[in-house]
Amino acid sequence: GLVNADPAGVQVRADAPYKNVQDLLAAIKANPGKFKASGTGQGGI
């Protein structure tokens, strides 16, 4: 039996300039290599 699932979210700092995920993705697309992310090991969920 499957008993739990916790979906991923897209979290940023509270003072980040992005109002929504569209803003964030547009910034990533316009600035490849500028952004860093973390939360697990390399290749983790």
PDB file of all heavy atoms in Angstrom:
ATOM      1  N   GLY A   1       0.811  -1.217   0.000  1.00  0.00           N
ATOM      2  CA  GLY A   1       0.000   0.000   0.000  1.00  0.00           C
ATOM      3  C   GLY A   1       0.841   1.263   0.000  1.00  0.00           C
ATOM      4  O   GLY A   1       1.814   1.375   0.762  1.00  0.00           O
ATOM      5  N   LEU A   2       0.507   2.193  -0.878  1.00  0.00           N
ATOM      6  CA  LEU A   2       1.112   3.531  -0.881  1.00  0.00           C
ATOM      7  C   LEU A   2       0.448   4.342   0.233  1.00  0.00           C
ATOM      8  O   LEU A   2      -0.784   4.358   0.344  1.00  0.00           O
ATOM      9  CB  LEU A   2       0.869   4.210  -2.224  1.00  0.00           C
ATOM     10  CG  LEU A   2       1.376   5.644  -2.399  1.00  0.00           C
ATOM     11  CD1 LEU A   2       2.895   5.682  -2.403  1.00  0.00           C
ATOM     12  CD2 LEU A   2       0.827   6.247  -3.694  1.00  0.00           C
ATOM     13  N   VAL A   3       1.256   5.018   1.066  1.00  0.00           N
ATOM     14  CA  VAL A   3       0.689   5.684   2.240  1.00  0.00           C
ATOM     15  C   VAL A   3       1.042   7.167   2.351  1.00  0.00           C
ATOM     16  O   VAL A   3       0.533   7.857   3.232  1.00  0.00           O
ATOM     17  CB  VAL A   3       1.117   4.966   3.540  1.00  0.00           C
ATOM     18  CG1 VAL A   3       0.538   3.557   3.608  1.00  0.00           C
ATOM     19  CG2 VAL A   3       2.642   4.919   3.661  1.00  0.00           C
ATOM     20  N   ASN A   4       1.911   7.658   1.464  1.00  0.00           N
ATOM     21  CA  ASN A   4       2.338   9.062   1.610  1.00  0.00           C
ATOM     22  C   ASN A   4       2.954   9.558   0.306  1.00  0.00           C
ATOM     23  O   ASN A   4       3.594   8.799  -0.416  1.00  0.00           O
ATOM     24  CB  ASN A   4       3.373   9.174   2.741  1.00  0.00           C
ATOM     25  CG  ASN A   4       4.255  10.402   2.637  1.00  0.00           C
ATOM     26  OD1 ASN A   4       5.414  10.289   2.232  1.00  0.00           O
ATOM     27  ND2 ASN A   4       3.744  11.560   2.979  1.00  0.00           N
ATOM     28  N   ALA A   5       2.741  10.815   0.005  1.00  0.00           N
ATOM     29  CA  ALA A   5       3.447  11.475  -1.096  1.00  0.00           C
ATOM     30  C   ALA A   5       3.567  12.958  -0.762  1.00  0.00           C
ATOM     31  O   ALA A   5       2.586  13.584  -0.349  1.00  0.00           O
ATOM     32  CB  ALA A   5       2.717  11.290  -2.419  1.00  0.00           C
ATOM     33  N   ASP A   6       4.767  13.488  -0.913  1.00  0.00           N
ATOM     34  CA  ASP A   6       5.030  14.909  -0.656  1.00  0.00           C
ATOM     35  C   ASP A   6       5.602  15.526  -1.925  1.00  0.00           C
ATOM     36  O   ASP A   6       6.792  15.351  -2.228  1.00  0.00           O
ATOM     37  CB  ASP A   6       6.013  15.088   0.507  1.00  0.00           C
ATOM     38  CG  ASP A   6       5.416  14.655   1.833  1.00  0.00           C
ATOM     39  OD1 ASP A   6       4.250  15.017   2.083  1.00  0.00           O
ATOM     40  OD2 ASP A   6       6.096  13.953   2.595  1.00  0.00           O
ATOM     41  N   PRO A   7       4.782  16.255  -2.685  1.00  0.00           N
ATOM     42  CA  PRO A   7       5.249  16.839  -3.937  1.00  0.00           C
ATOM     43  C   PRO A   7       6.324  17.897  -3.713  1.00  0.00           C
ATOM     44  O   PRO A   7       6.378  18.547  -2.666  1.00  0.00           O
ATOM     45  CB  PRO A   7       3.978  17.471  -4.530  1.00  0.00           C
ATOM     46  CG  PRO A   7       2.846  16.818  -3.821  1.00  0.00           C
ATOM     47  CD  PRO A   7       3.359  16.499  -2.451  1.00  0.00           C
ATOM     48  N   ALA A   8       7.154  18.054  -4.730  1.00  0.00           N
ATOM     49  CA  ALA A   8       8.159  19.124  -4.702  1.00  0.00           C
ATOM     50  C   ALA A   8       7.476  20.474  -4.842  1.00  0.00           C
ATOM     51  O   ALA A   8       6.435  20.603  -5.490  1.00  0.00           O
ATOM     52  CB  ALA A   8       9.147  18.931  -5.853  1.00  0.00           C
ATOM     53  N   GLY A   9       8.072  21.479  -4.222  1.00  0.00           N
ATOM     54  CA  GLY A   9       7.653  22.858  -4.409  1.00  0.00           C
ATOM     55  C   GLY A   9       8.791  23.624  -5.071  1.00  0.00           C
ATOM     56  O   GLY A   9       9.888  23.097  -5.252  1.00  0.00           O
ATOM     57  N   VAL A  10       8.532  24.856  -5.440  1.00  0.00           N
ATOM     58  CA  VAL A  10       9.580  25.724  -5.989  1.00  0.00           C
ATOM     59  C   VAL A  10       9.736  26.876  -5.005  1.00  0.00           C
ATOM     60  O   VAL A  10       8.939  27.823  -4.998  1.00  0.00           O
ATOM     61  CB  VAL A  10       9.226  26.255  -7.391  1.00  0.00           C
ATOM     62  CG1 VAL A  10      10.355  27.121  -7.932  1.00  0.00           C
ATOM     63  CG2 VAL A  10       8.947  25.093  -8.339  1.00  0.00           C
ATOM     64  N   GLN A  11      10.746  26.755  -4.125  1.00  0.00           N
ATOM     65  CA  GLN A  11      10.941  27.753  -3.072  1.00  0.00           C
ATOM     66  C   GLN A  11      12.092  28.710  -3.401  1.00  0.00           C
ATOM     67  O   GLN A  11      13.131  28.292  -3.931  1.00  0.00           O
ATOM     68  CB  GLN A  11      11.254  27.070  -1.739  1.00  0.00           C
ATOM     69  CG  GLN A  11      10.026  26.591  -0.984  1.00  0.00           C
ATOM     70  CD  GLN A  11       9.379  25.379  -1.619  1.00  0.00           C
ATOM     71  OE1 GLN A  11       8.202  25.405  -1.951  1.00  0.00           O
ATOM     72  NE2 GLN A  11      10.125  24.319  -1.808  1.00  0.00           N
ATOM     73  N   VAL A  12      11.874  29.973  -3.075  1.00  0.00           N
ATOM     74  CA  VAL A  12      12.898  31.007  -3.200  1.00  0.00           C
ATOM     75  C   VAL A  12      12.888  31.827  -1.908  1.00  0.00           C
ATOM     76  O   VAL A  12      12.007  31.667  -1.062  1.00  0.00           O
ATOM     77  CB  VAL A  12      12.635  31.928  -4.418  1.00  0.00           C
ATOM     78  CG1 VAL A  12      12.726  31.142  -5.720  1.00  0.00           C
ATOM     79  CG2 VAL A  12      11.279  32.615  -4.299  1.00  0.00           C
ATOM     80  N   ARG A  13      13.871  32.712  -1.751  1.00  0.00           N
ATOM     81  CA  ARG A  13      13.866  33.594  -0.577  1.00  0.00           C
ATOM     82  C   ARG A  13      12.641  34.499  -0.604  1.00  0.00           C
ATOM     83  O   ARG A  13      12.157  34.886  -1.675  1.00  0.00           O
ATOM     84  CB  ARG A  13      15.137  34.438  -0.527  1.00  0.00           C
ATOM     85  CG  ARG A  13      16.371  33.689  -0.102  1.00  0.00           C
ATOM     86  CD  ARG A  13      17.542  34.638   0.161  1.00  0.00           C
ATOM     87  NE  ARG A  13      17.853  35.440  -1.009  1.00  0.00           N
ATOM     88  CZ  ARG A  13      18.618  35.035  -2.010  1.00  0.00           C
ATOM     89  NH1 ARG A  13      19.144  33.825  -2.003  1.00  0.00           N
ATOM     90  NH2 ARG A  13      18.864  35.832  -3.040  1.00  0.00           N
ATOM     91  N   ALA A  14      12.199  34.887   0.553  1.00  0.00           N
ATOM     92  CA  ALA A  14      11.003  35.735   0.642  1.00  0.00           C
ATOM     93  C   ALA A  14      11.211  37.080  -0.040  1.00  0.00           C
ATOM     94  O   ALA A  14      10.254  37.677  -0.558  1.00  0.00           O
ATOM     95  CB  ALA A  14      10.623  35.938   2.107  1.00  0.00           C
ATOM     96  N   ASP A  15      12.463  37.556  -0.079  1.00  0.00           N
ATOM     97  CA  ASP A  15      12.729  38.862  -0.693  1.00  0.00           C
ATOM     98  C   ASP A  15      13.143  38.747  -2.161  1.00  0.00           C
ATOM     99  O   ASP A  15      13.560  39.735  -2.779  1.00  0.00           O
ATOM    100  CB  ASP A  15      13.799  39.621   0.096  1.00  0.00           C
ATOM    101  CG  ASP A  15      15.125  38.869   0.154  1.00  0.00           C
ATOM    102  OD1 ASP A  15      15.207  37.742  -0.395  1.00  0.00           O
ATOM    103  OD2 ASP A  15      16.091  39.402   0.744  1.00  0.00           O
ATOM    104  N   ALA A  16      13.047  37.538  -2.731  1.00  0.00           N
ATOM    105  CA  ALA A  16      13.386  37.370  -4.151  1.00  0.00           C
ATOM    106  C   ALA A  16      12.392  38.155  -5.006  1.00  0.00           C
ATOM    107  O   ALA A  16      11.221  38.300  -4.641  1.00  0.00           O
ATOM    108  CB  ALA A  16      13.360  35.900  -4.524  1.00  0.00           C
ATOM    109  N   PRO A  17      12.826  38.674  -6.164  1.00  0.00           N
ATOM    110  CA  PRO A  17      11.970  39.549  -6.967  1.00  0.00           C
ATOM    111  C   PRO A  17      10.890  38.825  -7.774  1.00  0.00           C
ATOM    112  O   PRO A  17      10.097  39.485  -8.435  1.00  0.00           O
ATOM    113  CB  PRO A  17      12.977  40.230  -7.915  1.00  0.00           C
ATOM    114  CG  PRO A  17      14.088  39.248  -8.056  1.00  0.00           C
ATOM    115  CD  PRO A  17      14.191  38.565  -6.723  1.00  0.00           C
ATOM    116  N   TYR A  18      10.836  37.515  -7.685  1.00  0.00           N
ATOM    117  CA  TYR A  18       9.910  36.756  -8.522  1.00  0.00           C
ATOM    118  C   TYR A  18       8.542  36.647  -7.861  1.00  0.00           C
ATOM    119  O   TYR A  18       8.414  36.153  -6.744  1.00  0.00           O
ATOM    120  CB  TYR A  18      10.476  35.360  -8.792  1.00  0.00           C
ATOM    121  CG  TYR A  18      11.956  35.405  -9.064  1.00  0.00           C
ATOM    122  CD1 TYR A  18      12.860  34.899  -8.119  1.00  0.00           C
ATOM    123  CD2 TYR A  18      12.459  36.014 -10.213  1.00  0.00           C
ATOM    124  CE1 TYR A  18      14.218  34.978  -8.336  1.00  0.00           C
ATOM    125  CE2 TYR A  18      13.823  36.100 -10.431  1.00  0.00           C
ATOM    126  CZ  TYR A  18      14.694  35.579  -9.488  1.00  0.00           C
ATOM    127  OH  TYR A  18      16.042  35.681  -9.706  1.00  0.00           O
ATOM    128  N   LYS A  19       7.524  37.105  -8.578  1.00  0.00           N
ATOM    129  CA  LYS A  19       6.160  37.033  -8.043  1.00  0.00           C
ATOM    130  C   LYS A  19       5.531  35.668  -8.258  1.00  0.00           C
ATOM    131  O   LYS A  19       4.606  35.281  -7.543  1.00  0.00           O
ATOM    132  CB  LYS A  19       5.284  38.112  -8.699  1.00  0.00           C
ATOM    133  CG  LYS A  19       5.696  39.533  -8.350  1.00  0.00           C
ATOM    134  CD  LYS A  19       4.783  40.541  -9.015  1.00  0.00           C
ATOM    135  CE  LYS A  19       5.177  41.975  -8.673  1.00  0.00           C
ATOM    136  NZ  LYS A  19       4.298  42.973  -9.349  1.00  0.00           N
ATOM    137  N   ASN A  20       5.996  34.962  -9.255  1.00  0.00           N
ATOM    138  CA  ASN A  20       5.434  33.649  -9.577  1.00  0.00           C
ATOM    139  C   ASN A  20       6.494  32.805 -10.273  1.00  0.00           C
ATOM    140  O   ASN A  20       7.603  33.285 -10.562  1.00  0.00           O
ATOM    141  CB  ASN A  20       4.189  33.802 -10.454  1.00  0.00           C
ATOM    142  CG  ASN A  20       4.436  34.727 -11.638  1.00  0.00           C
ATOM    143  OD1 ASN A  20       5.415  34.574 -12.364  1.00  0.00           O
ATOM    144  ND2 ASN A  20       3.557  35.723 -11.826  1.00  0.00           N
ATOM    145  N   VAL A  21       6.153  31.537 -10.543  1.00  0.00           N
ATOM    146  CA  VAL A  21       7.129  30.630 -11.144  1.00  0.00           C
ATOM    147  C   VAL A  21       7.461  31.038 -12.577  1.00  0.00           C
ATOM    148  O   VAL A  21       8.574  30.795 -13.063  1.00  0.00           O
ATOM    149  CB  VAL A  21       6.624  29.171 -11.063  1.00  0.00           C
ATOM    150  CG1 VAL A  21       5.461  28.922 -12.012  1.00  0.00           C
ATOM    151  CG2 VAL A  21       7.755  28.182 -11.329  1.00  0.00           C
ATOM    152  N   GLN A  22       6.535  31.693 -13.260  1.00  0.00           N
ATOM    153  CA  GLN A  22       6.827  32.182 -14.617  1.00  0.00           C
ATOM    154  C   GLN A  22       7.981  33.178 -14.596  1.00  0.00           C
ATOM    155  O   GLN A  22       8.876  33.132 -15.449  1.00  0.00           O
ATOM    156  CB  GLN A  22       5.590  32.845 -15.240  1.00  0.00           C
ATOM    157  CG  GLN A  22       4.424  31.901 -15.485  1.00  0.00           C
ATOM    158  CD  GLN A  22       3.389  31.999 -14.387  1.00  0.00           C
ATOM    159  OE1 GLN A  22       3.738  32.034 -13.199  1.00  0.00           O
ATOM    160  NE2 GLN A  22       2.122  32.043 -14.760  1.00  0.00           N
ATOM    161  N   ASP A  23       7.965  34.102 -13.634  1.00  0.00           N
ATOM    162  CA  ASP A  23       9.041  35.085 -13.508  1.00  0.00           C
ATOM    163  C   ASP A  23      10.391  34.405 -13.291  1.00  0.00           C
ATOM    164  O   ASP A  23      11.410  34.787 -13.882  1.00  0.00           O
ATOM    165  CB  ASP A  23       8.770  36.035 -12.343  1.00  0.00           C
ATOM    166  CG  ASP A  23       7.610  36.983 -12.588  1.00  0.00           C
ATOM    167  OD1 ASP A  23       7.147  37.069 -13.739  1.00  0.00           O
ATOM    168  OD2 ASP A  23       7.164  37.645 -11.623  1.00  0.00           O
ATOM    169  N   LEU A  24      10.388  33.394 -12.425  1.00  0.00           N
ATOM    170  CA  LEU A  24      11.628  32.688 -12.117  1.00  0.00           C
ATOM    171  C   LEU A  24      12.157  31.972 -13.355  1.00  0.00           C
ATOM    172  O   LEU A  24      13.353  32.065 -13.684  1.00  0.00           O
ATOM    173  CB  LEU A  24      11.404  31.688 -10.991  1.00  0.00           C
ATOM    174  CG  LEU A  24      12.592  30.782 -10.655  1.00  0.00           C
ATOM    175  CD1 LEU A  24      13.773  31.605 -10.145  1.00  0.00           C
ATOM    176  CD2 LEU A  24      12.192  29.732  -9.619  1.00  0.00           C
ATOM    177  N   LEU A  25      11.299  31.260 -14.057  1.00  0.00           N
ATOM    178  CA  LEU A  25      11.734  30.525 -15.245  1.00  0.00           C
ATOM    179  C   LEU A  25      12.222  31.474 -16.337  1.00  0.00           C
ATOM    180  O   LEU A  25      13.205  31.168 -17.040  1.00  0.00           O
ATOM    181  CB  LEU A  25      10.598  29.643 -15.763  1.00  0.00           C
ATOM    182  CG  LEU A  25      10.198  28.477 -14.851  1.00  0.00           C
ATOM    183  CD1 LEU A  25       8.978  27.764 -15.401  1.00  0.00           C
ATOM    184  CD2 LEU A  25      11.353  27.495 -14.678  1.00  0.00           C
ATOM    185  N   ALA A  26      11.577  32.612 -16.483  1.00  0.00           N
ATOM    186  CA  ALA A  26      12.026  33.602 -17.475  1.00  0.00           C
ATOM    187  C   ALA A  26      13.427  34.104 -17.134  1.00  0.00           C
ATOM    188  O   ALA A  26      14.273  34.282 -18.028  1.00  0.00           O
ATOM    189  CB  ALA A  26      11.042  34.765 -17.527  1.00  0.00           C
ATOM    190  N   ALA A  27      13.693  34.311 -15.842  1.00  0.00           N
ATOM    191  CA  ALA A  27      15.012  34.779 -15.412  1.00  0.00           C
ATOM    192  C   ALA A  27      16.077  33.716 -15.653  1.00  0.00           C
ATOM    193  O   ALA A  27      17.202  34.022 -16.069  1.00  0.00           O
ATOM    194  CB  ALA A  27      14.972  35.167 -13.936  1.00  0.00           C
ATOM    195  N   ILE A  28      15.720  32.444 -15.399  1.00  0.00           N
ATOM    196  CA  ILE A  28      16.664  31.342 -15.644  1.00  0.00           C
ATOM    197  C   ILE A  28      16.994  31.249 -17.133  1.00  0.00           C
ATOM    198  O   ILE A  28      18.157  31.095 -17.519  1.00  0.00           O
ATOM    199  CB  ILE A  28      16.071  30.009 -15.135  1.00  0.00           C
ATOM    200  CG1 ILE A  28      15.989  30.002 -13.604  1.00  0.00           C
ATOM    201  CG2 ILE A  28      16.897  28.831 -15.631  1.00  0.00           C
ATOM    202  CD1 ILE A  28      15.210  28.842 -13.029  1.00  0.00           C
ATOM    203  N   LYS A  29      15.955  31.357 -17.951  1.00  0.00           N
ATOM    204  CA  LYS A  29      16.145  31.246 -19.404  1.00  0.00           C
ATOM    205  C   LYS A  29      17.014  32.389 -19.938  1.00  0.00           C
ATOM    206  O   LYS A  29      17.839  32.193 -20.837  1.00  0.00           O
ATOM    207  CB  LYS A  29      14.780  31.247 -20.090  1.00  0.00           C
ATOM    208  CG  LYS A  29      14.791  30.697 -21.505  1.00  0.00           C
ATOM    209  CD  LYS A  29      13.375  30.439 -21.993  1.00  0.00           C
ATOM    210  CE  LYS A  29      13.391  29.750 -23.343  1.00  0.00           C
ATOM    211  NZ  LYS A  29      12.014  29.412 -23.795  1.00  0.00           N
ATOM    212  N   ALA A  30      16.838  33.550 -19.356  1.00  0.00           N
ATOM    213  CA  ALA A  30      17.600  34.724 -19.810  1.00  0.00           C
ATOM    214  C   ALA A  30      19.024  34.751 -19.266  1.00  0.00           C
ATOM    215  O   ALA A  30      19.885  35.454 -19.815  1.00  0.00           O
ATOM    216  CB  ALA A  30      16.868  36.001 -19.392  1.00  0.00           C
ATOM    217  N   ASN A  31      19.270  33.989 -18.191  1.00  0.00           N
ATOM    218  CA  ASN A  31      20.588  34.016 -17.541  1.00  0.00           C
ATOM    219  C   ASN A  31      21.088  32.602 -17.251  1.00  0.00           C
ATOM    220  O   ASN A  31      21.274  32.226 -16.077  1.00  0.00           O
ATOM    221  CB  ASN A  31      20.508  34.806 -16.230  1.00  0.00           C
ATOM    222  CG  ASN A  31      20.035  36.230 -16.423  1.00  0.00           C
ATOM    223  OD1 ASN A  31      20.832  37.101 -16.774  1.00  0.00           O
ATOM    224  ND2 ASN A  31      18.754  36.464 -16.193  1.00  0.00           N
ATOM    225  N   PRO A  32      21.297  31.784 -18.274  1.00  0.00           N
ATOM    226  CA  PRO A  32      21.751  30.411 -18.028  1.00  0.00           C
ATOM    227  C   PRO A  32      23.088  30.382 -17.297  1.00  0.00           C
ATOM    228  O   PRO A  32      24.000  31.132 -17.637  1.00  0.00           O
ATOM    229  CB  PRO A  32      21.869  29.828 -19.439  1.00  0.00           C
ATOM    230  CG  PRO A  32      21.979  31.000 -20.353  1.00  0.00           C
ATOM    231  CD  PRO A  32      21.195  32.093 -19.714  1.00  0.00           C
ATOM    232  N   GLY A  33      23.150  29.540 -16.262  1.00  0.00           N
ATOM    233  CA  GLY A  33      24.380  29.426 -15.481  1.00  0.00           C
ATOM    234  C   GLY A  33      24.450  30.331 -14.283  1.00  0.00           C
ATOM    235  O   GLY A  33      25.324  30.162 -13.431  1.00  0.00           O
ATOM    236  N   LYS A  34      23.548  31.293 -14.177  1.00  0.00           N
ATOM    237  CA  LYS A  34      23.590  32.248 -13.063  1.00  0.00           C
ATOM    238  C   LYS A  34      22.992  31.652 -11.784  1.00  0.00           C
ATOM    239  O   LYS A  34      23.440  31.964 -10.673  1.00  0.00           O
ATOM    240  CB  LYS A  34      22.826  33.517 -13.436  1.00  0.00           C
ATOM    241  CG  LYS A  34      22.727  34.525 -12.309  1.00  0.00           C
ATOM    242  CD  LYS A  34      21.896  35.749 -12.705  1.00  0.00           C
ATOM    243  CE  LYS A  34      21.723  36.704 -11.530  1.00  0.00           C
ATOM    244  NZ  LYS A  34      20.894  37.883 -11.890  1.00  0.00           N
ATOM    245  N   PHE A  35      21.980  30.796 -11.930  1.00  0.00           N
ATOM    246  CA  PHE A  35      21.225  30.313 -10.765  1.00  0.00           C
ATOM    247  C   PHE A  35      21.794  29.001 -10.228  1.00  0.00           C
ATOM    248  O   PHE A  35      22.273  28.147 -10.979  1.00  0.00           O
ATOM    249  CB  PHE A  35      19.757  30.116 -11.141  1.00  0.00           C
ATOM    250  CG  PHE A  35      19.013  31.400 -11.371  1.00  0.00           C
ATOM    251  CD1 PHE A  35      19.114  32.076 -12.586  1.00  0.00           C
ATOM    252  CD2 PHE A  35      18.224  31.947 -10.380  1.00  0.00           C
ATOM    253  CE1 PHE A  35      18.441  33.265 -12.797  1.00  0.00           C
ATOM    254  CE2 PHE A  35      17.538  33.132 -10.582  1.00  0.00           C
ATOM    255  CZ  PHE A  35      17.653  33.797 -11.799  1.00  0.00           C
ATOM    256  N   LYS A  36      21.696  28.881  -8.896  1.00  0.00           N
ATOM    257  CA  LYS A  36      22.092  27.648  -8.214  1.00  0.00           C
ATOM    258  C   LYS A  36      20.920  27.149  -7.373  1.00  0.00           C
ATOM    259  O   LYS A  36      20.121  27.944  -6.870  1.00  0.00           O
ATOM    260  CB  LYS A  36      23.312  27.880  -7.329  1.00  0.00           C
ATOM    261  CG  LYS A  36      24.584  28.236  -8.101  1.00  0.00           C
ATOM    262  CD  LYS A  36      25.813  28.223  -7.219  1.00  0.00           C
ATOM    263  CE  LYS A  36      25.873  29.411  -6.277  1.00  0.00           C
ATOM    264  NZ  LYS A  36      26.082  30.679  -6.990  1.00  0.00           N
ATOM    265  N   ALA A  37      20.838  25.833  -7.229  1.00  0.00           N
ATOM    266  CA  ALA A  37      19.763  25.222  -6.447  1.00  0.00           C
ATOM    267  C   ALA A  37      20.334  24.105  -5.588  1.00  0.00           C
ATOM    268  O   ALA A  37      21.421  23.577  -5.869  1.00  0.00           O
ATOM    269  CB  ALA A  37      18.680  24.676  -7.375  1.00  0.00           C
ATOM    270  N   SER A  38      19.597  23.742  -4.532  1.00  0.00           N
ATOM    271  CA  SER A  38      20.049  22.671  -3.639  1.00  0.00           C
ATOM    272  C   SER A  38      18.861  22.103  -2.876  1.00  0.00           C
ATOM    273  O   SER A  38      17.740  22.596  -2.982  1.00  0.00           O
ATOM    274  CB  SER A  38      21.110  23.196  -2.673  1.00  0.00           C
ATOM    275  OG  SER A  38      21.675  22.138  -1.917  1.00  0.00           O
ATOM    276  N   GLY A  39      19.123  21.063  -2.086  1.00  0.00           N
ATOM    277  CA  GLY A  39      18.085  20.451  -1.266  1.00  0.00           C
ATOM    278  C   GLY A  39      18.229  18.950  -1.125  1.00  0.00           C
ATOM    279  O   GLY A  39      17.508  18.309  -0.363  1.00  0.00           O
ATOM    280  N   THR A  40      19.196  18.360  -1.836  1.00  0.00           N
ATOM    281  CA  THR A  40      19.493  16.936  -1.725  1.00  0.00           C
ATOM    282  C   THR A  40      20.825  16.700  -2.420  1.00  0.00           C
ATOM    283  O   THR A  40      21.459  17.642  -2.908  1.00  0.00           O
ATOM    284  CB  THR A  40      18.379  16.089  -2.378  1.00  0.00           C
ATOM    285  OG1 THR A  40      18.605  14.711  -2.126  1.00  0.00           O
ATOM    286  CG2 THR A  40      18.320  16.296  -3.880  1.00  0.00           C
ATOM    287  N   GLY A  41      21.257  15.447  -2.470  1.00  0.00           N
ATOM    288  CA  GLY A  41      22.496  15.138  -3.163  1.00  0.00           C
ATOM    289  C   GLY A  41      22.338  15.205  -4.675  1.00  0.00           C
ATOM    290  O   GLY A  41      21.227  15.328  -5.197  1.00  0.00           O
ATOM    291  N   GLN A  42      23.455  15.127  -5.369  1.00  0.00           N
ATOM    292  CA  GLN A  42      23.434  15.100  -6.828  1.00  0.00           C
ATOM    293  C   GLN A  42      22.613  13.901  -7.300  1.00  0.00           C
ATOM    294  O   GLN A  42      22.861  12.769  -6.910  1.00  0.00           O
ATOM    295  CB  GLN A  42      24.861  14.997  -7.361  1.00  0.00           C
ATOM    296  CG  GLN A  42      24.991  15.101  -8.863  1.00  0.00           C
ATOM    297  CD  GLN A  42      24.940  16.550  -9.353  1.00  0.00           C
ATOM    298  OE1 GLN A  42      25.093  17.466  -8.552  1.00  0.00           O
ATOM    299  NE2 GLN A  42      24.721  16.739 -10.644  1.00  0.00           N
ATOM    300  N   GLY A  43      21.613  14.156  -8.137  1.00  0.00           N
ATOM    301  CA  GLY A  43      20.770  13.079  -8.630  1.00  0.00           C
ATOM    302  C   GLY A  43      19.678  12.657  -7.678  1.00  0.00           C
ATOM    303  O   GLY A  43      18.967  11.677  -7.942  1.00  0.00           O
ATOM    304  N   GLY A  44      19.509  13.369  -6.555  1.00  0.00           N
ATOM    305  CA  GLY A  44      18.438  13.067  -5.612  1.00  0.00           C
ATOM    306  C   GLY A  44      17.088  13.523  -6.130  1.00  0.00           C
ATOM    307  O   GLY A  44      16.979  14.185  -7.168  1.00  0.00           O
ATOM    308  N   ILE A  45      16.049  13.218  -5.373  1.00  0.00           N
ATOM    309  CA  ILE A  45      14.680  13.446  -5.843  1.00  0.00           C
ATOM    310  C   ILE A  45      14.407  14.914  -6.150  1.00  0.00           C
ATOM    311  O   ILE A  45      13.775  15.252  -7.158  1.00  0.00           O
ATOM    312  CB  ILE A  45      13.647  12.895  -4.819  1.00  0.00           C
ATOM    313  CG1 ILE A  45      12.217  13.067  -5.318  1.00  0.00           C
ATOM    314  CG2 ILE A  45      13.822  13.524  -3.451  1.00  0.00           C
ATOM    315  CD1 ILE A  45      11.907  12.315  -6.575  1.00  0.00           C
TER     316      ILE A  45
END
